[in-house]
């Protein structure tokens, strides 16, 4: 079972978490939600990083070919860690992160003093992983994709990971210029972007070709012809929710991103509302991987950004559809509407064996239900990470959802009392 242990990184004092299929992190701003999300992204991406390093060693002939695979891998881990979390100079000397992929495969990052740096990134790994890396030192790679499968099998994880950051509307706003800007940047300039943003940007640029002159409805028709009924049903549901969240349909015509409103009328995406811009690529990313029937680990920050409460409900239901092809999900959120919707999806799954399913499905589609045994929710505050689920009711604690509402209502009641007293 995968798990992560974090000590004194950013706002997080200490946490030890099992990685579940559907995870939710909530709490005040700057409490560490993004720190945990980025840490999980970083470690889950190491297997892909290793595959790329082995591929480069096999295909290039330069001064780095003298390095062992492990040395190349450690060098890349250090570089990527700095690009993800920033300079170690301002970090606590006792910072450490450890990630278990299996019971005997782990990577641990901590800080040590050396002759040059006060907070040098020190990397430990299990003997099982070290031995595995050694097998590639003198191995001639005949099939790069077969090597990728071998690595993913070793880590017992065949999913790639995508991080969808907060503030993503800026990338949508400058949509038509992104390809040009990014192509003009050299490697050093690209690395000046934080790792999560760079990774997201590269994924989006890659996916745009899929949507170019390729209508959502045509993609679904193609899927129908492939006879994968379950996936077709999933995509049809996606299309319905997308249209209701965006109040239109996404189009990419010759590289120009648009929202078709109705009767052939459209608005360019950079002139759309901030809510539409924020939601756009959450919806497209999930649709892309479902349409290509590819399992992913989705990390999504603040899906509620700039959305009306009803749209927040719909986008939560949309995100839950991603699990139907075996994908896994991690959300960070401040929204009681997101948490309340997740509770409904958990409750639907809980009562499904006790009520008539056809009646239940008219209220909440079965494809959106969430199994509690594969779910975890955490509340972060003042450096602590605490579970906020109720095992008996198989839900997120109502206190987490309603706490702020109670404070607001108390203030209102006090004002009512004050008015009554003065009269």
Protein backbone atom coordinates (compact mmCIF):
# COMPACT_ATOMS: atom_id res chain seq x y z
CA UNK A 1 0.00 0.00 0.00
CA UNK A 2 1.36 3.42 -0.99
CA UNK A 3 1.87 5.96 1.78
CA UNK A 4 3.69 9.20 2.44
CA UNK A 5 5.31 10.64 5.56
CA UNK A 6 6.09 14.36 5.69
CA UNK A 7 8.03 16.13 8.45
CA UNK A 8 8.52 19.89 8.68
CA UNK A 9 7.94 20.77 5.05
CA UNK A 10 6.26 24.12 4.49
CA UNK A 11 3.32 24.48 6.91
CA UNK A 12 3.22 20.71 7.59
CA UNK A 13 4.72 19.69 10.92
CA UNK A 14 4.12 15.96 10.55
CA UNK A 15 1.78 13.60 8.75
CA UNK A 16 1.69 9.96 7.74
CA UNK A 17 -0.97 9.18 5.14
CA UNK A 18 -2.08 6.13 3.21
CA UNK A 19 -2.69 6.93 -0.47
CA UNK A 20 -6.33 6.15 -1.27
CA UNK A 21 -8.17 6.07 -4.61
CA UNK A 22 -10.12 9.27 -3.84
CA UNK A 23 -8.58 11.80 -1.44
CA UNK A 24 -9.80 15.23 -0.34
CA UNK A 25 -7.85 17.87 1.59
CA UNK A 26 -9.55 20.91 3.08
CA UNK A 27 -8.69 23.61 5.59
CA UNK A 28 -7.70 27.29 5.76
CA UNK A 29 -5.43 28.88 3.16
CA UNK A 30 -1.69 28.26 3.66
CA UNK A 31 -2.39 25.25 5.87
CA UNK A 32 -0.43 22.81 3.68
CA UNK A 33 -2.95 21.34 1.24
CA UNK A 34 -0.80 22.18 -1.78
CA UNK A 35 2.33 20.97 0.04
CA UNK A 36 0.84 17.49 0.41
CA UNK A 37 -0.57 17.51 -3.13
CA UNK A 38 2.78 18.55 -4.62
CA UNK A 39 4.64 15.96 -2.52
CA UNK A 40 2.43 13.15 -3.79
CA UNK A 41 2.76 14.44 -7.36
CA UNK A 42 6.55 14.62 -7.02
CA UNK A 43 6.95 11.03 -5.78
CA UNK A 44 4.37 9.48 -8.08
CA UNK A 45 6.18 11.10 -11.00
CA UNK A 46 9.58 9.58 -10.10
CA UNK A 47 8.92 6.39 -12.08
CA UNK A 48 8.36 8.45 -15.25
CA UNK A 49 11.46 10.49 -14.43
CA UNK A 50 13.47 7.27 -14.09
CA UNK A 51 12.21 5.98 -17.44
CA UNK A 52 13.24 9.23 -19.14
CA UNK A 53 16.73 9.10 -17.61
CA UNK A 54 17.21 5.51 -18.76
CA UNK A 55 15.98 6.48 -22.23
CA UNK A 56 18.40 9.43 -22.42
CA UNK A 57 21.32 7.30 -21.24
CA UNK A 58 20.48 4.74 -23.89
CA UNK A 59 20.05 7.22 -26.74
CA UNK A 60 22.73 9.87 -26.10
CA UNK A 61 26.48 9.85 -26.18
CA UNK A 62 27.86 12.62 -24.00
CA UNK A 63 29.72 13.22 -20.78
CA UNK A 64 26.77 12.03 -18.69
CA UNK A 65 26.82 8.52 -20.14
CA UNK A 66 29.64 7.68 -17.71
CA UNK A 67 27.21 8.15 -14.82
CA UNK A 68 25.34 5.14 -13.53
CA UNK A 69 21.55 5.10 -13.82
CA UNK A 70 21.30 5.66 -10.06
CA UNK A 71 23.60 8.70 -10.23
CA UNK A 72 21.60 10.19 -13.10
CA UNK A 73 18.37 9.46 -11.23
CA UNK A 74 19.58 11.11 -7.99
CA UNK A 75 20.74 14.18 -9.91
CA UNK A 76 17.33 14.54 -11.56
CA UNK A 77 15.50 14.02 -8.25
CA UNK A 78 17.50 16.87 -6.65
CA UNK A 79 16.89 19.21 -9.57
CA UNK A 80 13.16 18.44 -9.69
CA UNK A 81 12.78 18.76 -5.92
CA UNK A 82 14.18 22.30 -6.07
CA UNK A 83 11.90 23.14 -9.01
CA UNK A 84 8.89 21.82 -7.07
CA UNK A 85 9.50 23.22 -3.57
CA UNK A 86 12.04 26.02 -4.06
CA UNK A 87 15.33 26.64 -2.29
CA UNK A 88 16.25 24.43 0.67
CA UNK A 89 18.05 27.32 2.39
CA UNK A 90 14.84 28.49 4.02
CA UNK A 91 13.65 24.98 4.95
CA UNK A 92 13.76 23.46 8.41
CA UNK A 93 16.97 21.45 8.97
CA UNK A 94 14.85 18.48 10.06
CA UNK A 95 12.71 18.41 6.92
CA UNK A 96 12.13 14.94 5.49
CA UNK A 97 9.69 13.24 3.13
CA UNK A 98 9.44 9.50 2.67
CA UNK A 99 7.25 7.71 0.13
CA UNK A 100 6.53 3.99 0.16
CA UNK A 101 5.50 2.57 -3.21
CA UNK A 102 5.31 -0.93 -1.73
CA UNK A 103 6.42 -2.35 1.62
CA UNK A 104 10.00 -2.74 0.37
CA UNK A 105 10.32 0.07 -2.20
CA UNK A 106 10.73 3.61 -0.88
CA UNK A 107 12.51 6.92 -1.49
CA UNK A 108 13.35 9.33 1.34
CA UNK A 109 14.49 12.94 0.96
CA UNK A 110 16.01 14.89 3.83
CA UNK A 111 18.51 17.72 4.40
CA UNK A 112 22.14 17.44 5.50
CA UNK A 113 25.06 19.79 5.93
CA UNK A 114 28.04 19.41 3.66
CA UNK A 115 31.14 21.50 3.02
CA UNK A 116 29.36 23.78 0.55
CA UNK A 117 25.66 23.84 1.42
CA UNK A 118 23.95 24.04 4.83
CA UNK A 119 20.84 22.23 3.56
CA UNK A 120 22.05 19.72 0.98
CA UNK A 121 19.35 17.44 -0.46
CA UNK A 122 20.11 13.92 0.72
CA UNK A 123 18.33 11.00 -0.93
CA UNK A 124 17.98 7.51 0.53
CA UNK A 125 16.27 4.62 -1.20
CA UNK A 126 15.48 1.04 -0.36
CA UNK A 127 17.94 -1.70 -1.30
CA UNK A 128 15.27 -3.21 -3.53
CA UNK A 129 15.13 -0.01 -5.58
CA UNK A 130 18.94 0.40 -5.67
CA UNK A 131 19.33 -3.16 -6.94
CA UNK A 132 16.69 -2.54 -9.60
CA UNK A 133 18.48 0.59 -10.86
CA UNK A 134 21.76 -1.31 -11.09
CA UNK A 135 20.25 -3.75 -13.61
CA UNK A 136 20.05 -0.95 -16.21
CA UNK A 137 23.71 0.14 -16.07
CA UNK A 138 24.98 -2.23 -18.74
CA UNK A 139 21.67 -3.20 -20.25
CA UNK A 140 21.03 -2.51 -23.94
CA UNK A 141 17.50 -1.16 -24.31
CA UNK A 142 15.87 -2.64 -27.38
CA UNK A 143 12.32 -1.42 -26.70
CA UNK A 144 11.83 1.84 -24.80
CA UNK A 145 8.11 1.23 -24.22
CA UNK A 146 8.80 -2.26 -22.88
CA UNK A 147 11.30 -0.70 -20.47
CA UNK A 148 8.64 1.75 -19.34
CA UNK A 149 6.29 -1.15 -18.59
CA UNK A 150 9.06 -2.91 -16.67
CA UNK A 151 9.61 0.19 -14.50
CA UNK A 152 5.90 0.75 -13.88
CA UNK A 153 5.45 -2.92 -13.01
CA UNK A 154 8.32 -2.68 -10.53
CA UNK A 155 6.69 0.28 -8.78
CA UNK A 156 3.34 -1.57 -9.00
CA UNK A 157 1.78 1.56 -10.43
CA UNK A 158 0.81 1.83 -14.10
CA UNK A 159 -0.69 5.32 -13.81
CA UNK A 160 0.88 8.55 -14.90
CA UNK A 161 0.04 11.60 -12.82
CA UNK A 162 -1.22 15.04 -13.84
CA UNK A 163 -1.35 18.09 -11.58
CA UNK A 164 -4.00 20.72 -12.37
CA UNK A 165 -2.95 23.80 -10.36
CA UNK A 166 -4.97 26.67 -8.97
CA UNK A 167 -4.76 29.87 -11.01
CA UNK A 168 -5.03 27.87 -14.24
CA UNK A 169 -7.24 30.52 -15.87
CA UNK A 170 -4.10 32.52 -16.75
CA UNK A 171 -3.04 29.71 -19.08
CA UNK A 172 -6.49 29.70 -20.65
CA UNK A 173 -6.52 33.51 -20.88
CA UNK A 174 -3.32 33.52 -22.94
CA UNK A 175 -4.26 30.35 -24.77
CA UNK A 176 -3.31 31.36 -28.30
CA UNK A 177 0.10 32.72 -27.23
CA UNK A 178 1.13 29.80 -24.99
CA UNK A 179 2.53 27.58 -27.72
CA UNK A 180 4.66 30.41 -29.09
CA UNK A 181 5.90 31.56 -25.68
CA UNK A 182 6.81 28.07 -24.54
CA UNK A 183 8.56 27.15 -27.79
CA UNK A 184 10.74 30.28 -27.46
CA UNK A 185 11.90 29.40 -23.92
CA UNK A 186 15.20 27.56 -23.42
CA UNK A 187 15.58 24.75 -20.88
CA UNK A 188 16.77 27.09 -18.12
CA UNK A 189 13.80 29.40 -18.63
CA UNK A 190 11.40 26.46 -18.54
CA UNK A 191 12.93 25.30 -15.28
CA UNK A 192 12.27 28.74 -13.79
CA UNK A 193 8.61 27.68 -13.80
CA UNK A 194 7.64 25.57 -10.81
CA UNK A 195 7.62 21.89 -11.71
CA UNK A 196 3.86 21.37 -11.29
CA UNK A 197 2.99 24.33 -13.55
CA UNK A 198 5.53 23.31 -16.20
CA UNK A 199 4.22 19.76 -16.22
CA UNK A 200 0.61 20.96 -16.52
CA UNK A 201 1.48 23.38 -19.31
CA UNK A 202 3.24 20.67 -21.33
CA UNK A 203 0.29 18.31 -20.93
CA UNK A 204 -2.18 20.96 -22.10
CA UNK A 205 -0.12 21.83 -25.18
CA UNK A 206 0.05 18.11 -26.00
CA UNK A 207 -3.71 17.63 -25.61
CA UNK A 208 -4.72 20.61 -27.73
CA UNK A 209 -3.88 18.69 -30.90
CA UNK A 210 -6.44 16.04 -29.86
CA UNK A 211 -9.22 18.64 -29.63
CA UNK A 212 -8.16 20.61 -32.71
CA UNK A 213 -11.02 20.52 -35.26
CA UNK A 214 -12.34 17.52 -33.32
CA UNK A 215 -15.83 18.15 -31.95
CA UNK A 216 -16.70 16.53 -28.58
CA UNK A 217 -19.75 14.88 -30.15
CA UNK A 218 -17.66 13.38 -32.95
CA UNK A 219 -15.24 11.94 -30.39
CA UNK A 220 -18.17 10.27 -28.61
CA UNK A 221 -19.55 8.89 -31.91
CA UNK A 222 -16.13 7.40 -32.62
CA UNK A 223 -16.18 5.82 -29.16
CA UNK A 224 -19.64 4.36 -29.83
CA UNK A 225 -18.30 2.70 -32.96
CA UNK A 226 -15.54 1.06 -30.89
CA UNK A 227 -18.23 -0.85 -28.96
CA UNK A 228 -16.95 0.20 -25.52
CA UNK A 229 -20.41 0.85 -24.10
CA UNK A 230 -19.33 1.67 -20.54
CA UNK A 231 -16.86 4.27 -21.74
CA UNK A 232 -19.40 5.70 -24.20
CA UNK A 233 -21.92 6.13 -21.36
CA UNK A 234 -19.23 7.84 -19.32
CA UNK A 235 -18.38 10.26 -22.14
CA UNK A 236 -22.04 11.05 -22.79
CA UNK A 237 -22.43 11.94 -19.12
CA UNK A 238 -19.25 14.05 -19.34
CA UNK A 239 -20.60 15.91 -22.37
CA UNK A 240 -23.89 16.65 -20.59
CA UNK A 241 -22.14 17.97 -17.47
CA UNK A 242 -19.58 19.95 -19.49
CA UNK A 243 -22.31 21.80 -21.33
CA UNK A 244 -24.12 22.64 -18.08
CA UNK A 245 -20.96 23.77 -16.27
CA UNK A 246 -19.65 25.89 -19.15
CA UNK A 247 -23.02 26.97 -20.57
CA UNK A 248 -21.63 25.99 -23.92
CA UNK A 249 -19.42 23.48 -25.73
CA UNK A 250 -15.65 23.64 -26.08
CA UNK A 251 -14.19 23.92 -29.57
CA UNK A 252 -10.66 24.23 -30.91
CA UNK A 253 -10.84 25.54 -34.47
CA UNK A 254 -7.44 25.82 -36.16
CA UNK A 255 -5.82 26.49 -32.79
CA UNK A 256 -8.40 29.07 -31.68
CA UNK A 257 -10.17 27.97 -28.49
CA UNK A 258 -13.85 28.85 -28.30
CA UNK A 259 -17.04 28.21 -26.39
CA UNK A 260 -19.94 27.60 -28.73
CA UNK A 261 -22.96 29.09 -27.01
CA UNK A 262 -25.85 28.18 -29.35
CA UNK A 263 -26.96 28.43 -32.97
CA UNK A 264 -23.34 28.63 -34.15
CA UNK A 265 -22.59 31.65 -31.96
CA UNK A 266 -19.41 31.47 -29.90
CA UNK A 267 -17.05 33.41 -27.66
CA UNK A 268 -13.27 33.15 -27.76
CA UNK A 269 -12.05 31.50 -24.58
CA UNK A 270 -9.91 34.49 -23.56
CA UNK A 271 -13.13 36.57 -23.49
CA UNK A 272 -15.12 33.98 -21.52
CA UNK A 273 -15.92 34.34 -17.82
CA UNK A 274 -13.25 33.56 -15.21
CA UNK A 275 -15.31 30.56 -14.04
CA UNK A 276 -15.45 29.13 -17.56
CA UNK A 277 -11.72 29.67 -17.96
CA UNK A 278 -10.94 27.98 -14.62
CA UNK A 279 -13.16 24.97 -15.31
CA UNK A 280 -12.32 24.50 -18.99
CA UNK A 281 -9.18 22.42 -18.74
CA UNK A 282 -10.26 20.41 -15.71
CA UNK A 283 -13.12 19.20 -17.91
CA UNK A 284 -10.98 18.74 -21.03
CA UNK A 285 -8.18 16.88 -19.23
CA UNK A 286 -10.54 14.32 -17.71
CA UNK A 287 -12.47 13.95 -20.97
CA UNK A 288 -9.20 13.44 -22.90
CA UNK A 289 -8.03 10.56 -20.73
CA UNK A 290 -11.47 8.94 -20.61
CA UNK A 291 -11.78 9.19 -24.40
CA UNK A 292 -8.35 7.58 -24.76
CA UNK A 293 -9.26 4.99 -22.10
CA UNK A 294 -6.10 5.80 -20.13
CA UNK A 295 -5.91 5.52 -16.35
CA UNK A 296 -4.43 8.55 -14.58
CA UNK A 297 -3.82 9.91 -11.11
CA UNK A 298 -5.53 13.32 -11.15
CA UNK A 299 -4.44 15.98 -8.64
CA UNK A 300 -6.80 18.96 -8.89
CA UNK A 301 -6.46 22.14 -6.85
CA UNK A 302 -9.59 24.11 -5.98
CA UNK A 303 -11.99 22.90 -8.68
CA UNK A 304 -14.55 25.35 -7.29
CA UNK A 305 -12.60 28.46 -8.37
CA UNK A 306 -14.92 31.23 -9.68
CA UNK A 307 -17.87 28.84 -10.05
CA UNK A 308 -21.45 29.37 -8.84
CA UNK A 309 -22.49 26.78 -6.17
CA UNK A 310 -24.59 24.76 -8.62
CA UNK A 311 -21.64 24.53 -11.03
CA UNK A 312 -19.43 23.47 -8.10
CA UNK A 313 -21.83 20.58 -7.51
CA UNK A 314 -21.75 19.61 -11.18
CA UNK A 315 -17.95 19.76 -11.50
CA UNK A 316 -17.60 17.50 -8.44
CA UNK A 317 -19.91 14.97 -10.08
CA UNK A 318 -17.91 15.33 -13.30
CA UNK A 319 -14.59 14.70 -11.54
CA UNK A 320 -16.01 11.58 -9.87
CA UNK A 321 -16.61 10.08 -13.34
CA UNK A 322 -12.82 9.83 -13.81
CA UNK A 323 -12.65 6.85 -11.45
CA UNK A 324 -14.78 4.74 -13.81
CA UNK A 325 -11.83 3.81 -16.02
CA UNK A 326 -9.68 3.00 -12.99
CA UNK A 327 -8.24 6.49 -12.51
CA UNK A 328 -7.62 7.95 -9.04
CA UNK A 329 -8.31 11.43 -7.72
CA UNK A 330 -6.90 13.91 -5.19
CA UNK A 331 -8.68 17.22 -4.57
CA UNK A 332 -7.82 20.27 -2.51
CA UNK A 333 -10.76 22.53 -1.74
CA UNK A 334 -12.13 25.32 0.45
CA UNK A 335 -15.70 24.78 -0.69
CA UNK A 336 -18.52 23.38 1.48
CA UNK A 337 -20.43 22.74 -1.78
CA UNK A 338 -17.67 20.43 -3.03
CA UNK A 339 -17.58 18.61 0.33
CA UNK A 340 -21.37 18.42 0.54
CA UNK A 341 -21.62 16.96 -2.97
CA UNK A 342 -18.97 14.34 -2.15
CA UNK A 343 -21.02 13.39 0.94
CA UNK A 344 -24.04 12.81 -1.30
CA UNK A 345 -21.99 10.59 -3.62
CA UNK A 346 -20.71 8.61 -0.62
CA UNK A 347 -24.21 8.27 0.81
CA UNK A 348 -25.64 7.09 -2.51
CA UNK A 349 -23.07 4.30 -2.56
CA UNK A 350 -23.80 3.43 1.08
CA UNK A 351 -27.56 3.00 0.66
CA UNK A 352 -27.44 1.42 -2.81
CA UNK A 353 -27.96 -2.10 -1.44
CA UNK A 354 -30.85 -1.00 0.80
CA UNK A 355 -33.07 0.87 -1.65
CA UNK A 356 -34.34 0.39 -5.18
CA UNK A 357 -31.38 1.26 -7.38
CA UNK A 358 -33.43 2.56 -10.30
CA UNK A 359 -35.01 5.18 -8.01
CA UNK A 360 -31.65 6.07 -6.48
CA UNK A 361 -30.05 6.45 -9.92
CA UNK A 362 -32.72 8.99 -10.89
CA UNK A 363 -31.36 11.17 -8.07
CA UNK A 364 -27.62 10.45 -8.43
CA UNK A 365 -26.13 8.59 -11.38
CA UNK A 366 -24.47 5.32 -10.35
CA UNK A 367 -21.33 6.32 -12.27
CA UNK A 368 -20.78 9.12 -9.74
CA UNK A 369 -21.04 7.07 -6.53
CA UNK A 370 -17.95 6.91 -4.31
CA UNK A 371 -17.03 3.85 -2.23
CA UNK A 372 -16.10 4.86 1.32
CA UNK A 373 -13.45 2.14 1.72
CA UNK A 374 -11.47 3.77 -1.13
CA UNK A 375 -11.95 7.30 0.18
CA UNK A 376 -10.12 9.57 2.63
CA UNK A 377 -10.66 13.18 3.70
CA UNK A 378 -8.37 15.35 5.83
CA UNK A 379 -8.63 18.71 7.56
CA UNK A 380 -5.42 20.74 7.80
CA UNK A 381 -4.78 23.49 10.32
CA UNK A 382 -1.73 24.89 12.14
CA UNK A 383 0.64 22.25 10.82
CA UNK A 384 -1.55 19.28 11.70
CA UNK A 385 -3.34 16.88 9.36
CA UNK A 386 -6.39 15.13 10.81
CA UNK A 387 -8.85 12.75 9.25
CA UNK A 388 -12.31 14.33 9.00
CA UNK A 389 -14.43 11.32 8.07
CA UNK A 390 -17.11 9.64 10.15
CA UNK A 391 -16.64 5.87 9.99
CA UNK A 392 -20.17 5.15 11.23
CA UNK A 393 -21.96 7.36 8.71
CA UNK A 394 -19.31 6.85 5.98
CA UNK A 395 -19.12 10.55 5.26
CA UNK A 396 -17.11 13.73 5.76
CA UNK A 397 -17.85 15.19 9.20
CA UNK A 398 -20.61 17.78 9.02
CA UNK A 399 -18.63 20.02 11.39
CA UNK A 400 -16.02 20.53 8.67
CA UNK A 401 -18.68 21.52 6.15
CA UNK A 402 -20.87 23.64 8.42
CA UNK A 403 -18.36 25.19 10.84
CA UNK A 404 -18.09 28.56 9.11
CA UNK A 405 -21.86 28.67 8.50
CA UNK A 406 -22.39 28.22 12.24
CA UNK A 407 -20.08 31.16 13.03
CA UNK A 408 -21.87 33.36 10.46
CA UNK A 409 -25.27 32.36 11.88
CA UNK A 410 -24.09 33.05 15.44
CA UNK A 411 -22.99 36.57 14.43
CA UNK A 412 -26.39 37.13 12.81
CA UNK A 413 -28.23 35.86 15.92
CA UNK A 414 -26.17 38.18 18.12
CA UNK A 415 -27.11 41.14 15.93
CA UNK A 416 -30.80 40.16 16.06
CA UNK A 417 -30.54 39.96 19.86
CA UNK A 418 -28.85 43.35 19.95
CA UNK A 419 -31.63 44.93 17.92
CA UNK A 420 -34.31 43.36 20.12
CA UNK A 421 -32.55 44.58 23.27
CA UNK A 422 -32.26 48.16 22.00
CA UNK A 423 -35.95 48.25 21.06
